[in-house]
Amino acid sequence: MELEETGNCVADSVSVFDGADTTTGRLLGKFCGDELPHNMTSTGHYVVVTFRSNHKRNVGAFALSWTARDAHGTDDDATGMSARSGP
């Protein structure tokens, strides 16, 4: 994680919501800077991840990975994705 760090993450940020959308989903965390977020667990089938940028500074990137688990807590297929800001 390498994003612009500002108070309350008002410039660039990654937010993670537990639910199908940002309106009804519970905010699990909003992150910026270079400190890695803690591991998070959703309560259902959906998680929404949003990236916000003010486009004033071009710094680094963020990446995320996740593991899907079945109702018994057994790992299912793991998938990952990453995003990079800038050129």
PDB file of N, CA and C in Angstrom:
ATOM      1  N   MET A   1       0.849  -1.162   0.000  1.00  0.00           N
ATOM      2  CA  MET A   1       0.000   0.000   0.000  1.00  0.00           C
ATOM      3  C   MET A   1       0.902   1.234   0.000  1.00  0.00           C
ATOM      4  N   GLU A   2       0.676   2.091  -0.961  1.00  0.00           N
ATOM      5  CA  GLU A   2       1.481   3.300  -1.081  1.00  0.00           C
ATOM      6  C   GLU A   2       0.597   4.400  -1.662  1.00  0.00           C
ATOM      7  N   LEU A   3      -0.131   5.086  -0.792  1.00  0.00           N
ATOM      8  CA  LEU A   3      -1.025   6.167  -1.206  1.00  0.00           C
ATOM      9  C   LEU A   3      -0.645   7.442  -0.476  1.00  0.00           C
ATOM     10  N   GLU A   4      -1.072   8.563  -1.020  1.00  0.00           N
ATOM     11  CA  GLU A   4      -0.846   9.850  -0.356  1.00  0.00           C
ATOM     12  C   GLU A   4      -1.482   9.803   1.029  1.00  0.00           C
ATOM     13  N   GLU A   5      -0.731  10.256   2.028  1.00  0.00           N
ATOM     14  CA  GLU A   5      -1.260  10.233   3.396  1.00  0.00           C
ATOM     15  C   GLU A   5      -1.676  11.635   3.818  1.00  0.00           C
ATOM     16  N   THR A   6      -2.925  11.777   4.222  1.00  0.00           N
ATOM     17  CA  THR A   6      -3.457  13.038   4.733  1.00  0.00           C
ATOM     18  C   THR A   6      -4.350  12.732   5.924  1.00  0.00           C
ATOM     19  N   GLY A   7      -4.631  13.734   6.738  1.00  0.00           N
ATOM     20  CA  GLY A   7      -5.529  13.552   7.866  1.00  0.00           C
ATOM     21  C   GLY A   7      -6.879  13.020   7.419  1.00  0.00           C
ATOM     22  N   ASN A   8      -7.368  12.002   8.065  1.00  0.00           N
ATOM     23  CA  ASN A   8      -8.646  11.359   7.745  1.00  0.00           C
ATOM     24  C   ASN A   8      -8.707  10.821   6.319  1.00  0.00           C
ATOM     25  N   CYS A   9      -7.558  10.657   5.682  1.00  0.00           N
ATOM     26  CA  CYS A   9      -7.473  10.097   4.317  1.00  0.00           C
ATOM     27  C   CYS A   9      -8.369  10.853   3.341  1.00  0.00           C
ATOM     28  N   VAL A  10      -8.336  12.184   3.386  1.00  0.00           N
ATOM     29  CA  VAL A  10      -9.215  12.985   2.529  1.00  0.00           C
ATOM     30  C   VAL A  10      -8.706  13.129   1.098  1.00  0.00           C
ATOM     31  N   ALA A  11      -7.418  12.862   0.833  1.00  0.00           N
ATOM     32  CA  ALA A  11      -6.892  13.004  -0.530  1.00  0.00           C
ATOM     33  C   ALA A  11      -7.081  11.701  -1.306  1.00  0.00           C
ATOM     34  N   ASP A  12      -6.238  10.733  -1.057  1.00  0.00           N
ATOM     35  CA  ASP A  12      -6.341   9.422  -1.696  1.00  0.00           C
ATOM     36  C   ASP A  12      -6.689   8.392  -0.629  1.00  0.00           C
ATOM     37  N   SER A  13      -7.554   7.452  -0.969  1.00  0.00           N
ATOM     38  CA  SER A  13      -7.926   6.438   0.015  1.00  0.00           C
ATOM     39  C   SER A  13      -8.514   5.203  -0.643  1.00  0.00           C
ATOM     40  N   VAL A  14      -8.431   4.119   0.076  1.00  0.00           N
ATOM     41  CA  VAL A  14      -9.106   2.867  -0.262  1.00  0.00           C
ATOM     42  C   VAL A  14     -10.061   2.579   0.882  1.00  0.00           C
ATOM     43  N   SER A  15     -11.337   2.355   0.559  1.00  0.00           N
ATOM     44  CA  SER A  15     -12.340   2.022   1.571  1.00  0.00           C
ATOM     45  C   SER A  15     -12.884   0.630   1.292  1.00  0.00           C
ATOM     46  N   VAL A  16     -13.163  -0.113   2.358  1.00  0.00           N
ATOM     47  CA  VAL A  16     -13.680  -1.473   2.240  1.00  0.00           C
ATOM     48  C   VAL A  16     -15.004  -1.545   2.982  1.00  0.00           C
ATOM     49  N   PHE A  17     -16.048  -2.007   2.274  1.00  0.00           N
ATOM     50  CA  PHE A  17     -17.393  -2.113   2.837  1.00  0.00           C
ATOM     51  C   PHE A  17     -17.838  -3.566   2.880  1.00  0.00           C
ATOM     52  N   ASP A  18     -18.454  -3.960   3.972  1.00  0.00           N
ATOM     53  CA  ASP A  18     -19.019  -5.294   4.132  1.00  0.00           C
ATOM     54  C   ASP A  18     -20.465  -5.253   3.650  1.00  0.00           C
ATOM     55  N   GLY A  19     -20.698  -5.638   2.408  1.00  0.00           N
ATOM     56  CA  GLY A  19     -22.039  -5.606   1.832  1.00  0.00           C
ATOM     57  C   GLY A  19     -21.974  -5.421   0.338  1.00  0.00           C
ATOM     58  N   ALA A  20     -23.142  -5.337  -0.285  1.00  0.00           N
ATOM     59  CA  ALA A  20     -23.237  -5.284  -1.746  1.00  0.00           C
ATOM     60  C   ALA A  20     -23.045  -3.885  -2.311  1.00  0.00           C
ATOM     61  N   ASP A  21     -23.086  -2.832  -1.472  1.00  0.00           N
ATOM     62  CA  ASP A  21     -22.892  -1.467  -1.964  1.00  0.00           C
ATOM     63  C   ASP A  21     -22.403  -0.576  -0.829  1.00  0.00           C
ATOM     64  N   THR A  22     -22.031   0.639  -1.180  1.00  0.00           N
ATOM     65  CA  THR A  22     -21.474   1.565  -0.185  1.00  0.00           C
ATOM     66  C   THR A  22     -22.549   2.259   0.647  1.00  0.00           C
ATOM     67  N   THR A  23     -23.795   2.163   0.223  1.00  0.00           N
ATOM     68  CA  THR A  23     -24.885   2.798   0.967  1.00  0.00           C
ATOM     69  C   THR A  23     -25.330   1.963   2.150  1.00  0.00           C
ATOM     70  N   THR A  24     -25.525   0.671   1.916  1.00  0.00           N
ATOM     71  CA  THR A  24     -26.027  -0.195   2.987  1.00  0.00           C
ATOM     72  C   THR A  24     -24.926  -1.028   3.630  1.00  0.00           C
ATOM     73  N   GLY A  25     -23.766  -1.131   2.983  1.00  0.00           N
ATOM     74  CA  GLY A  25     -22.670  -1.914   3.544  1.00  0.00           C
ATOM     75  C   GLY A  25     -22.013  -1.196   4.705  1.00  0.00           C
ATOM     76  N   ARG A  26     -21.532  -1.982   5.660  1.00  0.00           N
ATOM     77  CA  ARG A  26     -20.844  -1.428   6.830  1.00  0.00           C
ATOM     78  C   ARG A  26     -19.386  -1.166   6.463  1.00  0.00           C
ATOM     79  N   LEU A  27     -18.899   0.042   6.758  1.00  0.00           N
ATOM     80  CA  LEU A  27     -17.510   0.402   6.479  1.00  0.00           C
ATOM     81  C   LEU A  27     -16.586  -0.403   7.391  1.00  0.00           C
ATOM     82  N   LEU A  28     -15.729  -1.221   6.778  1.00  0.00           N
ATOM     83  CA  LEU A  28     -14.757  -1.993   7.547  1.00  0.00           C
ATOM     84  C   LEU A  28     -13.485  -1.196   7.787  1.00  0.00           C
ATOM     85  N   GLY A  29     -13.207  -0.238   6.914  1.00  0.00           N
ATOM     86  CA  GLY A  29     -12.028   0.589   7.103  1.00  0.00           C
ATOM     87  C   GLY A  29     -11.771   1.494   5.920  1.00  0.00           C
ATOM     88  N   LYS A  30     -11.109   2.614   6.205  1.00  0.00           N
ATOM     89  CA  LYS A  30     -10.685   3.568   5.186  1.00  0.00           C
ATOM     90  C   LYS A  30      -9.190   3.760   5.394  1.00  0.00           C
ATOM     91  N   PHE A  31      -8.392   3.609   4.325  1.00  0.00           N
ATOM     92  CA  PHE A  31      -6.958   3.518   4.477  1.00  0.00           C
ATOM     93  C   PHE A  31      -6.228   4.435   3.502  1.00  0.00           C
ATOM     94  N   CYS A  32      -5.073   4.960   3.933  1.00  0.00           N
ATOM     95  CA  CYS A  32      -4.185   5.744   3.086  1.00  0.00           C
ATOM     96  C   CYS A  32      -2.782   5.615   3.650  1.00  0.00           C
ATOM     97  N   GLY A  33      -1.827   6.267   3.003  1.00  0.00           N
ATOM     98  CA  GLY A  33      -0.446   6.170   3.460  1.00  0.00           C
ATOM     99  C   GLY A  33       0.174   4.855   3.045  1.00  0.00           C
ATOM    100  N   ASP A  34       1.135   4.393   3.847  1.00  0.00           N
ATOM    101  CA  ASP A  34       1.832   3.158   3.486  1.00  0.00           C
ATOM    102  C   ASP A  34       1.714   2.061   4.536  1.00  0.00           C
ATOM    103  N   GLU A  35       0.911   2.280   5.551  1.00  0.00           N
ATOM    104  CA  GLU A  35       0.715   1.257   6.569  1.00  0.00           C
ATOM    105  C   GLU A  35      -0.307   0.235   6.082  1.00  0.00           C
ATOM    106  N   LEU A  36       0.041  -1.035   6.169  1.00  0.00           N
ATOM    107  CA  LEU A  36      -0.851  -2.085   5.698  1.00  0.00           C
ATOM    108  C   LEU A  36      -2.062  -2.221   6.619  1.00  0.00           C
ATOM    109  N   PRO A  37      -3.245  -2.325   6.045  1.00  0.00           N
ATOM    110  CA  PRO A  37      -4.453  -2.526   6.849  1.00  0.00           C
ATOM    111  C   PRO A  37      -4.449  -3.918   7.486  1.00  0.00           C
ATOM    112  N   HIS A  38      -5.268  -4.078   8.492  1.00  0.00           N
ATOM    113  CA  HIS A  38      -5.436  -5.368   9.159  1.00  0.00           C
ATOM    114  C   HIS A  38      -6.249  -6.310   8.260  1.00  0.00           C
ATOM    115  N   ASN A  39      -6.212  -7.593   8.536  1.00  0.00           N
ATOM    116  CA  ASN A  39      -7.061  -8.539   7.816  1.00  0.00           C
ATOM    117  C   ASN A  39      -8.511  -8.272   8.182  1.00  0.00           C
ATOM    118  N   MET A  40      -9.394  -8.394   7.208  1.00  0.00           N
ATOM    119  CA  MET A  40     -10.818  -8.138   7.425  1.00  0.00           C
ATOM    120  C   MET A  40     -11.623  -9.353   6.993  1.00  0.00           C
ATOM    121  N   THR A  41     -12.766  -9.551   7.618  1.00  0.00           N
ATOM    122  CA  THR A  41     -13.658 -10.649   7.274  1.00  0.00           C
ATOM    123  C   THR A  41     -15.051 -10.095   7.033  1.00  0.00           C
ATOM    124  N   SER A  42     -15.654 -10.485   5.916  1.00  0.00           N
ATOM    125  CA  SER A  42     -17.018 -10.038   5.625  1.00  0.00           C
ATOM    126  C   SER A  42     -18.010 -10.972   6.306  1.00  0.00           C
ATOM    127  N   THR A  43     -19.222 -10.500   6.458  1.00  0.00           N
ATOM    128  CA  THR A  43     -20.267 -11.315   7.078  1.00  0.00           C
ATOM    129  C   THR A  43     -21.126 -12.033   6.052  1.00  0.00           C
ATOM    130  N   GLY A  44     -20.892 -11.796   4.764  1.00  0.00           N
ATOM    131  CA  GLY A  44     -21.707 -12.413   3.728  1.00  0.00           C
ATOM    132  C   GLY A  44     -20.942 -12.610   2.442  1.00  0.00           C
ATOM    133  N   HIS A  45     -21.661 -12.599   1.336  1.00  0.00           N
ATOM    134  CA  HIS A  45     -21.093 -12.893   0.028  1.00  0.00           C
ATOM    135  C   HIS A  45     -20.485 -11.692  -0.680  1.00  0.00           C
ATOM    136  N   TYR A  46     -20.687 -10.483  -0.169  1.00  0.00           N
ATOM    137  CA  TYR A  46     -20.272  -9.287  -0.902  1.00  0.00           C
ATOM    138  C   TYR A  46     -19.321  -8.416  -0.086  1.00  0.00           C
ATOM    139  N   VAL A  47     -18.344  -7.848  -0.802  1.00  0.00           N
ATOM    140  CA  VAL A  47     -17.449  -6.839  -0.264  1.00  0.00           C
ATOM    141  C   VAL A  47     -17.247  -5.821  -1.374  1.00  0.00           C
ATOM    142  N   VAL A  48     -17.337  -4.535  -1.044  1.00  0.00           N
ATOM    143  CA  VAL A  48     -17.104  -3.478  -2.023  1.00  0.00           C
ATOM    144  C   VAL A  48     -15.827  -2.744  -1.623  1.00  0.00           C
ATOM    145  N   VAL A  49     -14.930  -2.561  -2.603  1.00  0.00           N
ATOM    146  CA  VAL A  49     -13.687  -1.824  -2.390  1.00  0.00           C
ATOM    147  C   VAL A  49     -13.719  -0.616  -3.305  1.00  0.00           C
ATOM    148  N   THR A  50     -13.535   0.578  -2.727  1.00  0.00           N
ATOM    149  CA  THR A  50     -13.513   1.792  -3.533  1.00  0.00           C
ATOM    150  C   THR A  50     -12.143   2.460  -3.414  1.00  0.00           C
ATOM    151  N   PHE A  51     -11.718   3.087  -4.498  1.00  0.00           N
ATOM    152  CA  PHE A  51     -10.488   3.862  -4.504  1.00  0.00           C
ATOM    153  C   PHE A  51     -10.851   5.289  -4.845  1.00  0.00           C
ATOM    154  N   ARG A  52     -10.352   6.217  -4.059  1.00  0.00           N
ATOM    155  CA  ARG A  52     -10.620   7.638  -4.281  1.00  0.00           C
ATOM    156  C   ARG A  52      -9.297   8.370  -4.413  1.00  0.00           C
ATOM    157  N   SER A  53      -9.204   9.262  -5.401  1.00  0.00           N
ATOM    158  CA  SER A  53      -7.993  10.038  -5.594  1.00  0.00           C
ATOM    159  C   SER A  53      -8.364  11.473  -5.942  1.00  0.00           C
ATOM    160  N   ASN A  54      -7.580  12.410  -5.436  1.00  0.00           N
ATOM    161  CA  ASN A  54      -7.797  13.811  -5.791  1.00  0.00           C
ATOM    162  C   ASN A  54      -6.923  14.221  -6.973  1.00  0.00           C
ATOM    163  N   HIS A  55      -6.113  13.323  -7.486  1.00  0.00           N
ATOM    164  CA  HIS A  55      -5.265  13.542  -8.662  1.00  0.00           C
ATOM    165  C   HIS A  55      -4.231  14.647  -8.487  1.00  0.00           C
ATOM    166  N   LYS A  56      -3.932  15.053  -7.255  1.00  0.00           N
ATOM    167  CA  LYS A  56      -2.932  16.111  -7.049  1.00  0.00           C
ATOM    168  C   LYS A  56      -1.515  15.552  -7.020  1.00  0.00           C
ATOM    169  N   ARG A  57      -1.361  14.352  -6.510  1.00  0.00           N
ATOM    170  CA  ARG A  57      -0.038  13.728  -6.462  1.00  0.00           C
ATOM    171  C   ARG A  57      -0.151  12.328  -7.025  1.00  0.00           C
ATOM    172  N   ASN A  58       0.842  11.925  -7.756  1.00  0.00           N
ATOM    173  CA  ASN A  58       0.906  10.561  -8.270  1.00  0.00           C
ATOM    174  C   ASN A  58       1.879   9.778  -7.416  1.00  0.00           C
ATOM    175  N   VAL A  59       1.373   8.961  -6.546  1.00  0.00           N
ATOM    176  CA  VAL A  59       2.241   8.117  -5.729  1.00  0.00           C
ATOM    177  C   VAL A  59       1.754   6.685  -5.810  1.00  0.00           C
ATOM    178  N   GLY A  60       2.687   5.777  -5.840  1.00  0.00           N
ATOM    179  CA  GLY A  60       2.513   4.359  -5.692  1.00  0.00           C
ATOM    180  C   GLY A  60       1.256   3.688  -6.169  1.00  0.00           C
ATOM    181  N   ALA A  61       0.789   2.795  -5.344  1.00  0.00           N
ATOM    182  CA  ALA A  61      -0.289   1.897  -5.730  1.00  0.00           C
ATOM    183  C   ALA A  61      -0.872   1.234  -4.501  1.00  0.00           C
ATOM    184  N   PHE A  62      -1.871   0.405  -4.747  1.00  0.00           N
ATOM    185  CA  PHE A  62      -2.349  -0.485  -3.706  1.00  0.00           C
ATOM    186  C   PHE A  62      -2.659  -1.824  -4.349  1.00  0.00           C
ATOM    187  N   ALA A  63      -2.608  -2.851  -3.569  1.00  0.00           N
ATOM    188  CA  ALA A  63      -2.938  -4.193  -4.038  1.00  0.00           C
ATOM    189  C   ALA A  63      -3.763  -4.861  -2.954  1.00  0.00           C
ATOM    190  N   LEU A  64      -4.602  -5.777  -3.370  1.00  0.00           N
ATOM    191  CA  LEU A  64      -5.357  -6.528  -2.380  1.00  0.00           C
ATOM    192  C   LEU A  64      -5.480  -7.964  -2.815  1.00  0.00           C
ATOM    193  N   SER A  65      -5.692  -8.814  -1.843  1.00  0.00           N
ATOM    194  CA  SER A  65      -5.937 -10.225  -2.131  1.00  0.00           C
ATOM    195  C   SER A  65      -7.001 -10.706  -1.165  1.00  0.00           C
ATOM    196  N   TRP A  66      -7.675 -11.756  -1.560  1.00  0.00           N
ATOM    197  CA  TRP A  66      -8.716 -12.281  -0.694  1.00  0.00           C
ATOM    198  C   TRP A  66      -8.783 -13.792  -0.828  1.00  0.00           C
ATOM    199  N   THR A  67      -9.427 -14.391   0.164  1.00  0.00           N
ATOM    200  CA  THR A  67      -9.661 -15.819   0.170  1.00  0.00           C
ATOM    201  C   THR A  67     -11.143 -16.041   0.396  1.00  0.00           C
ATOM    202  N   ALA A  68     -11.752 -16.849  -0.451  1.00  0.00           N
ATOM    203  CA  ALA A  68     -13.167 -17.200  -0.276  1.00  0.00           C
ATOM    204  C   ALA A  68     -13.233 -18.449   0.593  1.00  0.00           C
ATOM    205  N   ARG A  69     -14.153 -18.445   1.551  1.00  0.00           N
ATOM    206  CA  ARG A  69     -14.324 -19.603   2.429  1.00  0.00           C
ATOM    207  C   ARG A  69     -15.766 -20.049   2.385  1.00  0.00           C
ATOM    208  N   ASP A  70     -15.967 -21.341   2.501  1.00  0.00           N
ATOM    209  CA  ASP A  70     -17.335 -21.836   2.518  1.00  0.00           C
ATOM    210  C   ASP A  70     -17.925 -21.696   3.917  1.00  0.00           C
ATOM    211  N   ALA A  71     -19.148 -22.108   4.098  1.00  0.00           N
ATOM    212  CA  ALA A  71     -19.851 -21.947   5.378  1.00  0.00           C
ATOM    213  C   ALA A  71     -19.152 -22.665   6.530  1.00  0.00           C
ATOM    214  N   HIS A  72     -18.300 -23.620   6.226  1.00  0.00           N
ATOM    215  CA  HIS A  72     -17.593 -24.375   7.262  1.00  0.00           C
ATOM    216  C   HIS A  72     -16.220 -23.798   7.571  1.00  0.00           C
ATOM    217  N   GLY A  73     -15.882 -22.682   6.921  1.00  0.00           N
ATOM    218  CA  GLY A  73     -14.590 -22.038   7.162  1.00  0.00           C
ATOM    219  C   GLY A  73     -13.441 -22.629   6.369  1.00  0.00           C
ATOM    220  N   THR A  74     -13.759 -23.481   5.397  1.00  0.00           N
ATOM    221  CA  THR A  74     -12.733 -24.101   4.563  1.00  0.00           C
ATOM    222  C   THR A  74     -12.408 -23.186   3.391  1.00  0.00           C
ATOM    223  N   ASP A  75     -11.121 -23.047   3.099  1.00  0.00           N
ATOM    224  CA  ASP A  75     -10.716 -22.215   1.952  1.00  0.00           C
ATOM    225  C   ASP A  75     -11.304 -22.763   0.668  1.00  0.00           C
ATOM    226  N   ASP A  76     -11.853 -21.883  -0.129  1.00  0.00           N
ATOM    227  CA  ASP A  76     -12.353 -22.207  -1.456  1.00  0.00           C
ATOM    228  C   ASP A  76     -11.296 -21.708  -2.432  1.00  0.00           C
ATOM    229  N   ASP A  77     -11.658 -21.250  -3.592  1.00  0.00           N
ATOM    230  CA  ASP A  77     -10.701 -20.683  -4.535  1.00  0.00           C
ATOM    231  C   ASP A  77     -10.247 -19.316  -4.057  1.00  0.00           C
ATOM    232  N   ALA A  78      -8.959 -19.045  -4.075  1.00  0.00           N
ATOM    233  CA  ALA A  78      -8.437 -17.724  -3.716  1.00  0.00           C
ATOM    234  C   ALA A  78      -8.180 -16.941  -4.983  1.00  0.00           C
ATOM    235  N   THR A  79      -8.535 -15.680  -4.969  1.00  0.00           N
ATOM    236  CA  THR A  79      -8.343 -14.814  -6.116  1.00  0.00           C
ATOM    237  C   THR A  79      -7.724 -13.514  -5.623  1.00  0.00           C
ATOM    238  N   GLY A  80      -7.071 -12.769  -6.499  1.00  0.00           N
ATOM    239  CA  GLY A  80      -6.500 -11.499  -6.100  1.00  0.00           C
ATOM    240  C   GLY A  80      -6.560 -10.491  -7.223  1.00  0.00           C
ATOM    241  N   MET A  81      -6.340  -9.231  -6.876  1.00  0.00           N
ATOM    242  CA  MET A  81      -6.296  -8.182  -7.870  1.00  0.00           C
ATOM    243  C   MET A  81      -5.417  -7.067  -7.374  1.00  0.00           C
ATOM    244  N   SER A  82      -4.969  -6.222  -8.274  1.00  0.00           N
ATOM    245  CA  SER A  82      -4.191  -5.069  -7.855  1.00  0.00           C
ATOM    246  C   SER A  82      -4.539  -3.894  -8.766  1.00  0.00           C
ATOM    247  N   ALA A  83      -4.233  -2.716  -8.287  1.00  0.00           N
ATOM    248  CA  ALA A  83      -4.451  -1.491  -9.074  1.00  0.00           C
ATOM    249  C   ALA A  83      -3.252  -0.595  -8.871  1.00  0.00           C
ATOM    250  N   ARG A  84      -2.935   0.179  -9.869  1.00  0.00           N
ATOM    251  CA  ARG A  84      -1.797   1.095  -9.767  1.00  0.00           C
ATOM    252  C   ARG A  84      -2.219   2.452 -10.293  1.00  0.00           C
ATOM    253  N   SER A  85      -1.859   3.486  -9.550  1.00  0.00           N
ATOM    254  CA  SER A  85      -2.132   4.845 -10.019  1.00  0.00           C
ATOM    255  C   SER A  85      -0.902   5.358 -10.743  1.00  0.00           C
ATOM    256  N   GLY A  86      -1.114   6.312 -11.606  1.00  0.00           N
ATOM    257  CA  GLY A  86      -0.001   6.924 -12.322  1.00  0.00           C
ATOM    258  C   GLY A  86       0.269   6.261 -13.642  1.00  0.00           C
ATOM    259  N   PRO A  87       1.342   6.685 -14.298  1.00  0.00           N
ATOM    260  CA  PRO A  87       1.676   6.157 -15.635  1.00  0.00           C
ATOM    261  C   PRO A  87       2.112   4.711 -15.622  1.00  0.00           C
TER     262      PRO A  87
END
